[in-house]
Amino acid sequence: MFKKLAKLKYLPNNFEIIENGDHVICSISGKKIALDDLQYWNVELQEAYFSYVEASKKREQEE
């Protein structure tokens, strides 16, 4: 299913594809995320998150 890791630049409401691919890796869980399913990321840290659960965990770590 997943063939090539994409490189993205995360923007406030979107992302820019720097290097073509079909997925990115969640920085918390290590799970693969299809670009079509990517909804959670951190612009400042330039990290992707699999779901709101991982995004919440990251926020808790920063507090």
PDB file of N, CA and C in Angstrom:
ATOM      1  N   MET A   1       0.821  -1.192   0.000  1.00  0.00           N
ATOM      2  CA  MET A   1       0.000   0.000   0.000  1.00  0.00           C
ATOM      3  C   MET A   1       0.868   1.259   0.000  1.00  0.00           C
ATOM      4  N   PHE A   2       1.734   1.405   0.982  1.00  0.00           N
ATOM      5  CA  PHE A   2       2.603   2.577   1.029  1.00  0.00           C
ATOM      6  C   PHE A   2       3.880   2.272   0.264  1.00  0.00           C
ATOM      7  N   LYS A   3       4.232   3.166  -0.645  1.00  0.00           N
ATOM      8  CA  LYS A   3       5.391   2.904  -1.484  1.00  0.00           C
ATOM      9  C   LYS A   3       6.553   3.855  -1.247  1.00  0.00           C
ATOM     10  N   LYS A   4       6.268   5.152  -1.123  1.00  0.00           N
ATOM     11  CA  LYS A   4       7.362   6.110  -1.013  1.00  0.00           C
ATOM     12  C   LYS A   4       7.053   7.178   0.016  1.00  0.00           C
ATOM     13  N   LEU A   5       8.025   7.454   0.867  1.00  0.00           N
ATOM     14  CA  LEU A   5       7.908   8.487   1.884  1.00  0.00           C
ATOM     15  C   LEU A   5       7.953   9.867   1.219  1.00  0.00           C
ATOM     16  N   ALA A   6       6.984  10.694   1.541  1.00  0.00           N
ATOM     17  CA  ALA A   6       6.936  12.063   1.014  1.00  0.00           C
ATOM     18  C   ALA A   6       7.669  12.997   1.965  1.00  0.00           C
ATOM     19  N   LYS A   7       8.170  14.082   1.433  1.00  0.00           N
ATOM     20  CA  LYS A   7       8.735  15.152   2.261  1.00  0.00           C
ATOM     21  C   LYS A   7       7.819  16.349   2.101  1.00  0.00           C
ATOM     22  N   LEU A   8       7.351  16.874   3.239  1.00  0.00           N
ATOM     23  CA  LEU A   8       6.390  17.961   3.216  1.00  0.00           C
ATOM     24  C   LEU A   8       6.885  19.159   3.992  1.00  0.00           C
ATOM     25  N   LYS A   9       6.352  20.320   3.635  1.00  0.00           N
ATOM     26  CA  LYS A   9       6.510  21.521   4.443  1.00  0.00           C
ATOM     27  C   LYS A   9       5.120  21.801   5.002  1.00  0.00           C
ATOM     28  N   TYR A  10       5.003  21.749   6.335  1.00  0.00           N
ATOM     29  CA  TYR A  10       3.712  21.940   6.982  1.00  0.00           C
ATOM     30  C   TYR A  10       3.429  23.417   7.154  1.00  0.00           C
ATOM     31  N   LEU A  11       2.281  23.850   6.660  1.00  0.00           N
ATOM     32  CA  LEU A  11       1.838  25.231   6.717  1.00  0.00           C
ATOM     33  C   LEU A  11       0.629  25.318   7.651  1.00  0.00           C
ATOM     34  N   PRO A  12       0.191  26.529   8.035  1.00  0.00           N
ATOM     35  CA  PRO A  12      -0.907  26.645   8.993  1.00  0.00           C
ATOM     36  C   PRO A  12      -2.194  25.904   8.622  1.00  0.00           C
ATOM     37  N   ASN A  13      -2.607  25.912   7.392  1.00  0.00           N
ATOM     38  CA  ASN A  13      -3.860  25.245   7.017  1.00  0.00           C
ATOM     39  C   ASN A  13      -3.704  24.249   5.878  1.00  0.00           C
ATOM     40  N   ASN A  14      -2.466  23.943   5.539  1.00  0.00           N
ATOM     41  CA  ASN A  14      -2.198  23.083   4.398  1.00  0.00           C
ATOM     42  C   ASN A  14      -0.766  22.589   4.502  1.00  0.00           C
ATOM     43  N   PHE A  15      -0.341  21.840   3.525  1.00  0.00           N
ATOM     44  CA  PHE A  15       1.058  21.449   3.449  1.00  0.00           C
ATOM     45  C   PHE A  15       1.506  21.490   2.002  1.00  0.00           C
ATOM     46  N   GLU A  16       2.784  21.682   1.829  1.00  0.00           N
ATOM     47  CA  GLU A  16       3.386  21.744   0.497  1.00  0.00           C
ATOM     48  C   GLU A  16       4.229  20.492   0.307  1.00  0.00           C
ATOM     49  N   ILE A  17       4.075  19.840  -0.824  1.00  0.00           N
ATOM     50  CA  ILE A  17       4.859  18.642  -1.110  1.00  0.00           C
ATOM     51  C   ILE A  17       6.215  19.075  -1.660  1.00  0.00           C
ATOM     52  N   ILE A  18       7.267  18.737  -0.913  1.00  0.00           N
ATOM     53  CA  ILE A  18       8.636  19.055  -1.316  1.00  0.00           C
ATOM     54  C   ILE A  18       9.198  17.925  -2.174  1.00  0.00           C
ATOM     55  N   GLU A  19       8.912  16.698  -1.754  1.00  0.00           N
ATOM     56  CA  GLU A  19       9.345  15.521  -2.504  1.00  0.00           C
ATOM     57  C   GLU A  19       8.165  14.558  -2.586  1.00  0.00           C
ATOM     58  N   ASN A  20       7.786  14.184  -3.799  1.00  0.00           N
ATOM     59  CA  ASN A  20       6.624  13.328  -4.008  1.00  0.00           C
ATOM     60  C   ASN A  20       6.739  12.011  -3.259  1.00  0.00           C
ATOM     61  N   GLY A  21       5.597  11.542  -2.804  1.00  0.00           N
ATOM     62  CA  GLY A  21       5.472  10.270  -2.119  1.00  0.00           C
ATOM     63  C   GLY A  21       4.011  10.065  -1.788  1.00  0.00           C
ATOM     64  N   ASP A  22       3.703   8.956  -1.107  1.00  0.00           N
ATOM     65  CA  ASP A  22       2.307   8.687  -0.782  1.00  0.00           C
ATOM     66  C   ASP A  22       2.009   8.682   0.711  1.00  0.00           C
ATOM     67  N   HIS A  23       3.052   8.871   1.540  1.00  0.00           N
ATOM     68  CA  HIS A  23       2.817   8.863   2.982  1.00  0.00           C
ATOM     69  C   HIS A  23       3.908   9.616   3.738  1.00  0.00           C
ATOM     70  N   VAL A  24       3.606   9.906   5.010  1.00  0.00           N
ATOM     71  CA  VAL A  24       4.577  10.444   5.957  1.00  0.00           C
ATOM     72  C   VAL A  24       4.509   9.575   7.211  1.00  0.00           C
ATOM     73  N   ILE A  25       5.420   9.800   8.145  1.00  0.00           N
ATOM     74  CA  ILE A  25       5.492   9.020   9.372  1.00  0.00           C
ATOM     75  C   ILE A  25       5.086   9.884  10.561  1.00  0.00           C
ATOM     76  N   CYS A  26       4.229   9.340  11.427  1.00  0.00           N
ATOM     77  CA  CYS A  26       3.834  10.033  12.650  1.00  0.00           C
ATOM     78  C   CYS A  26       5.051  10.157  13.560  1.00  0.00           C
ATOM     79  N   SER A  27       5.311  11.353  14.055  1.00  0.00           N
ATOM     80  CA  SER A  27       6.492  11.577  14.895  1.00  0.00           C
ATOM     81  C   SER A  27       6.340  10.983  16.294  1.00  0.00           C
ATOM     82  N   ILE A  28       5.132  10.653  16.706  1.00  0.00           N
ATOM     83  CA  ILE A  28       4.900  10.076  18.027  1.00  0.00           C
ATOM     84  C   ILE A  28       4.835   8.551  17.966  1.00  0.00           C
ATOM     85  N   SER A  29       3.985   8.015  17.098  1.00  0.00           N
ATOM     86  CA  SER A  29       3.747   6.562  17.065  1.00  0.00           C
ATOM     87  C   SER A  29       4.588   5.816  16.043  1.00  0.00           C
ATOM     88  N   GLY A  30       5.110   6.530  15.039  1.00  0.00           N
ATOM     89  CA  GLY A  30       5.856   5.863  13.976  1.00  0.00           C
ATOM     90  C   GLY A  30       4.956   5.236  12.926  1.00  0.00           C
ATOM     91  N   LYS A  31       3.640   5.431  13.048  1.00  0.00           N
ATOM     92  CA  LYS A  31       2.700   4.874  12.068  1.00  0.00           C
ATOM     93  C   LYS A  31       2.801   5.636  10.755  1.00  0.00           C
ATOM     94  N   LYS A  32       2.556   4.929   9.662  1.00  0.00           N
ATOM     95  CA  LYS A  32       2.524   5.560   8.354  1.00  0.00           C
ATOM     96  C   LYS A  32       1.166   6.235   8.153  1.00  0.00           C
ATOM     97  N   ILE A  33       1.189   7.426   7.557  1.00  0.00           N
ATOM     98  CA  ILE A  33      -0.029   8.204   7.314  1.00  0.00           C
ATOM     99  C   ILE A  33      -0.109   8.507   5.824  1.00  0.00           C
ATOM    100  N   ALA A  34      -1.155   8.028   5.179  1.00  0.00           N
ATOM    101  CA  ALA A  34      -1.370   8.361   3.767  1.00  0.00           C
ATOM    102  C   ALA A  34      -1.611   9.866   3.648  1.00  0.00           C
ATOM    103  N   LEU A  35      -1.070  10.486   2.624  1.00  0.00           N
ATOM    104  CA  LEU A  35      -1.247  11.932   2.461  1.00  0.00           C
ATOM    105  C   LEU A  35      -2.720  12.318   2.406  1.00  0.00           C
ATOM    106  N   ASP A  36      -3.554  11.458   1.830  1.00  0.00           N
ATOM    107  CA  ASP A  36      -4.991  11.736   1.762  1.00  0.00           C
ATOM    108  C   ASP A  36      -5.632  11.749   3.148  1.00  0.00           C
ATOM    109  N   ASP A  37      -5.023  11.081   4.121  1.00  0.00           N
ATOM    110  CA  ASP A  37      -5.575  10.994   5.471  1.00  0.00           C
ATOM    111  C   ASP A  37      -4.921  11.962   6.452  1.00  0.00           C
ATOM    112  N   LEU A  38      -3.896  12.660   6.041  1.00  0.00           N
ATOM    113  CA  LEU A  38      -3.150  13.548   6.934  1.00  0.00           C
ATOM    114  C   LEU A  38      -3.995  14.751   7.346  1.00  0.00           C
ATOM    115  N   GLN A  39      -4.242  14.887   8.651  1.00  0.00           N
ATOM    116  CA  GLN A  39      -5.060  15.983   9.166  1.00  0.00           C
ATOM    117  C   GLN A  39      -4.400  16.728  10.314  1.00  0.00           C
ATOM    118  N   TYR A  40      -3.407  16.124  10.958  1.00  0.00           N
ATOM    119  CA  TYR A  40      -2.811  16.712  12.150  1.00  0.00           C
ATOM    120  C   TYR A  40      -1.309  16.886  11.978  1.00  0.00           C
ATOM    121  N   TRP A  41      -0.827  18.116  12.230  1.00  0.00           N
ATOM    122  CA  TRP A  41       0.600  18.383  12.177  1.00  0.00           C
ATOM    123  C   TRP A  41       0.913  19.617  12.989  1.00  0.00           C
ATOM    124  N   ASN A  42       2.201  19.827  13.223  1.00  0.00           N
ATOM    125  CA  ASN A  42       2.666  20.986  13.966  1.00  0.00           C
ATOM    126  C   ASN A  42       3.548  21.807  13.029  1.00  0.00           C
ATOM    127  N   VAL A  43       3.133  23.027  12.761  1.00  0.00           N
ATOM    128  CA  VAL A  43       3.858  23.895  11.825  1.00  0.00           C
ATOM    129  C   VAL A  43       5.229  24.264  12.392  1.00  0.00           C
ATOM    130  N   GLU A  44       5.290  24.642  13.663  1.00  0.00           N
ATOM    131  CA  GLU A  44       6.552  25.058  14.276  1.00  0.00           C
ATOM    132  C   GLU A  44       7.578  23.928  14.308  1.00  0.00           C
ATOM    133  N   LEU A  45       7.136  22.726  14.666  1.00  0.00           N
ATOM    134  CA  LEU A  45       8.052  21.585  14.773  1.00  0.00           C
ATOM    135  C   LEU A  45       8.196  20.818  13.466  1.00  0.00           C
ATOM    136  N   GLN A  46       7.318  21.118  12.490  1.00  0.00           N
ATOM    137  CA  GLN A  46       7.325  20.419  11.196  1.00  0.00           C
ATOM    138  C   GLN A  46       7.215  18.908  11.404  1.00  0.00           C
ATOM    139  N   GLU A  47       6.190  18.512  12.196  1.00  0.00           N
ATOM    140  CA  GLU A  47       5.936  17.106  12.500  1.00  0.00           C
ATOM    141  C   GLU A  47       4.499  16.750  12.146  1.00  0.00           C
ATOM    142  N   ALA A  48       4.308  15.508  11.707  1.00  0.00           N
ATOM    143  CA  ALA A  48       2.978  14.980  11.408  1.00  0.00           C
ATOM    144  C   ALA A  48       2.543  14.057  12.541  1.00  0.00           C
ATOM    145  N   TYR A  49       1.210  13.976  12.741  1.00  0.00           N
ATOM    146  CA  TYR A  49       0.641  13.107  13.768  1.00  0.00           C
ATOM    147  C   TYR A  49      -0.459  12.250  13.156  1.00  0.00           C
ATOM    148  N   PHE A  50      -0.507  10.993  13.559  1.00  0.00           N
ATOM    149  CA  PHE A  50      -1.462  10.036  13.002  1.00  0.00           C
ATOM    150  C   PHE A  50      -2.911  10.443  13.281  1.00  0.00           C
ATOM    151  N   SER A  51      -3.175  10.932  14.499  1.00  0.00           N
ATOM    152  CA  SER A  51      -4.538  11.314  14.877  1.00  0.00           C
ATOM    153  C   SER A  51      -4.486  12.370  15.972  1.00  0.00           C
ATOM    154  N   TYR A  52      -5.655  12.776  16.435  1.00  0.00           N
ATOM    155  CA  TYR A  52      -5.715  13.749  17.527  1.00  0.00           C
ATOM    156  C   TYR A  52      -5.098  13.192  18.800  1.00  0.00           C
ATOM    157  N   VAL A  53      -5.085  11.867  18.952  1.00  0.00           N
ATOM    158  CA  VAL A  53      -4.491  11.241  20.141  1.00  0.00           C
ATOM    159  C   VAL A  53      -2.995  11.546  20.206  1.00  0.00           C
ATOM    160  N   GLU A  54      -2.290  11.315  19.117  1.00  0.00           N
ATOM    161  CA  GLU A  54      -0.858  11.596  19.070  1.00  0.00           C
ATOM    162  C   GLU A  54      -0.576  13.092  19.179  1.00  0.00           C
ATOM    163  N   ALA A  55      -1.398  13.911  18.538  1.00  0.00           N
ATOM    164  CA  ALA A  55      -1.225  15.364  18.626  1.00  0.00           C
ATOM    165  C   ALA A  55      -1.396  15.825  20.067  1.00  0.00           C
ATOM    166  N   SER A  56      -2.357  15.255  20.792  1.00  0.00           N
ATOM    167  CA  SER A  56      -2.572  15.596  22.197  1.00  0.00           C
ATOM    168  C   SER A  56      -1.401  15.162  23.062  1.00  0.00           C
ATOM    169  N   LYS A  57      -0.866  13.984  22.783  1.00  0.00           N
ATOM    170  CA  LYS A  57       0.300  13.492  23.536  1.00  0.00           C
ATOM    171  C   LYS A  57       1.471  14.451  23.370  1.00  0.00           C
ATOM    172  N   LYS A  58       1.680  14.939  22.165  1.00  0.00           N
ATOM    173  CA  LYS A  58       2.777  15.868  21.907  1.00  0.00           C
ATOM    174  C   LYS A  58       2.571  17.162  22.682  1.00  0.00           C
ATOM    175  N   ARG A  59       1.334  17.656  22.702  1.00  0.00           N
ATOM    176  CA  ARG A  59       1.035  18.881  23.451  1.00  0.00           C
ATOM    177  C   ARG A  59       1.295  18.682  24.939  1.00  0.00           C
ATOM    178  N   GLU A  60       0.935  17.526  25.468  1.00  0.00           N
ATOM    179  CA  GLU A  60       1.163  17.224  26.884  1.00  0.00           C
ATOM    180  C   GLU A  60       2.658  17.182  27.194  1.00  0.00           C
ATOM    181  N   GLN A  61       3.448  16.648  26.288  1.00  0.00           N
ATOM    182  CA  GLN A  61       4.910  16.554  26.486  1.00  0.00           C
ATOM    183  C   GLN A  61       5.526  17.943  26.553  1.00  0.00           C
ATOM    184  N   GLU A  62       4.959  18.893  25.824  1.00  0.00           N
ATOM    185  CA  GLU A  62       5.525  20.236  25.759  1.00  0.00           C
ATOM    186  C   GLU A  62       5.194  21.092  26.980  1.00  0.00           C
ATOM    187  N   GLU A  63       4.193  20.687  27.739  1.00  0.00           N
ATOM    188  CA  GLU A  63       3.781  21.489  28.907  1.00  0.00           C
ATOM    189  C   GLU A  63       4.690  21.301  30.085  1.00  0.00           C
TER     190      GLU A  63
END
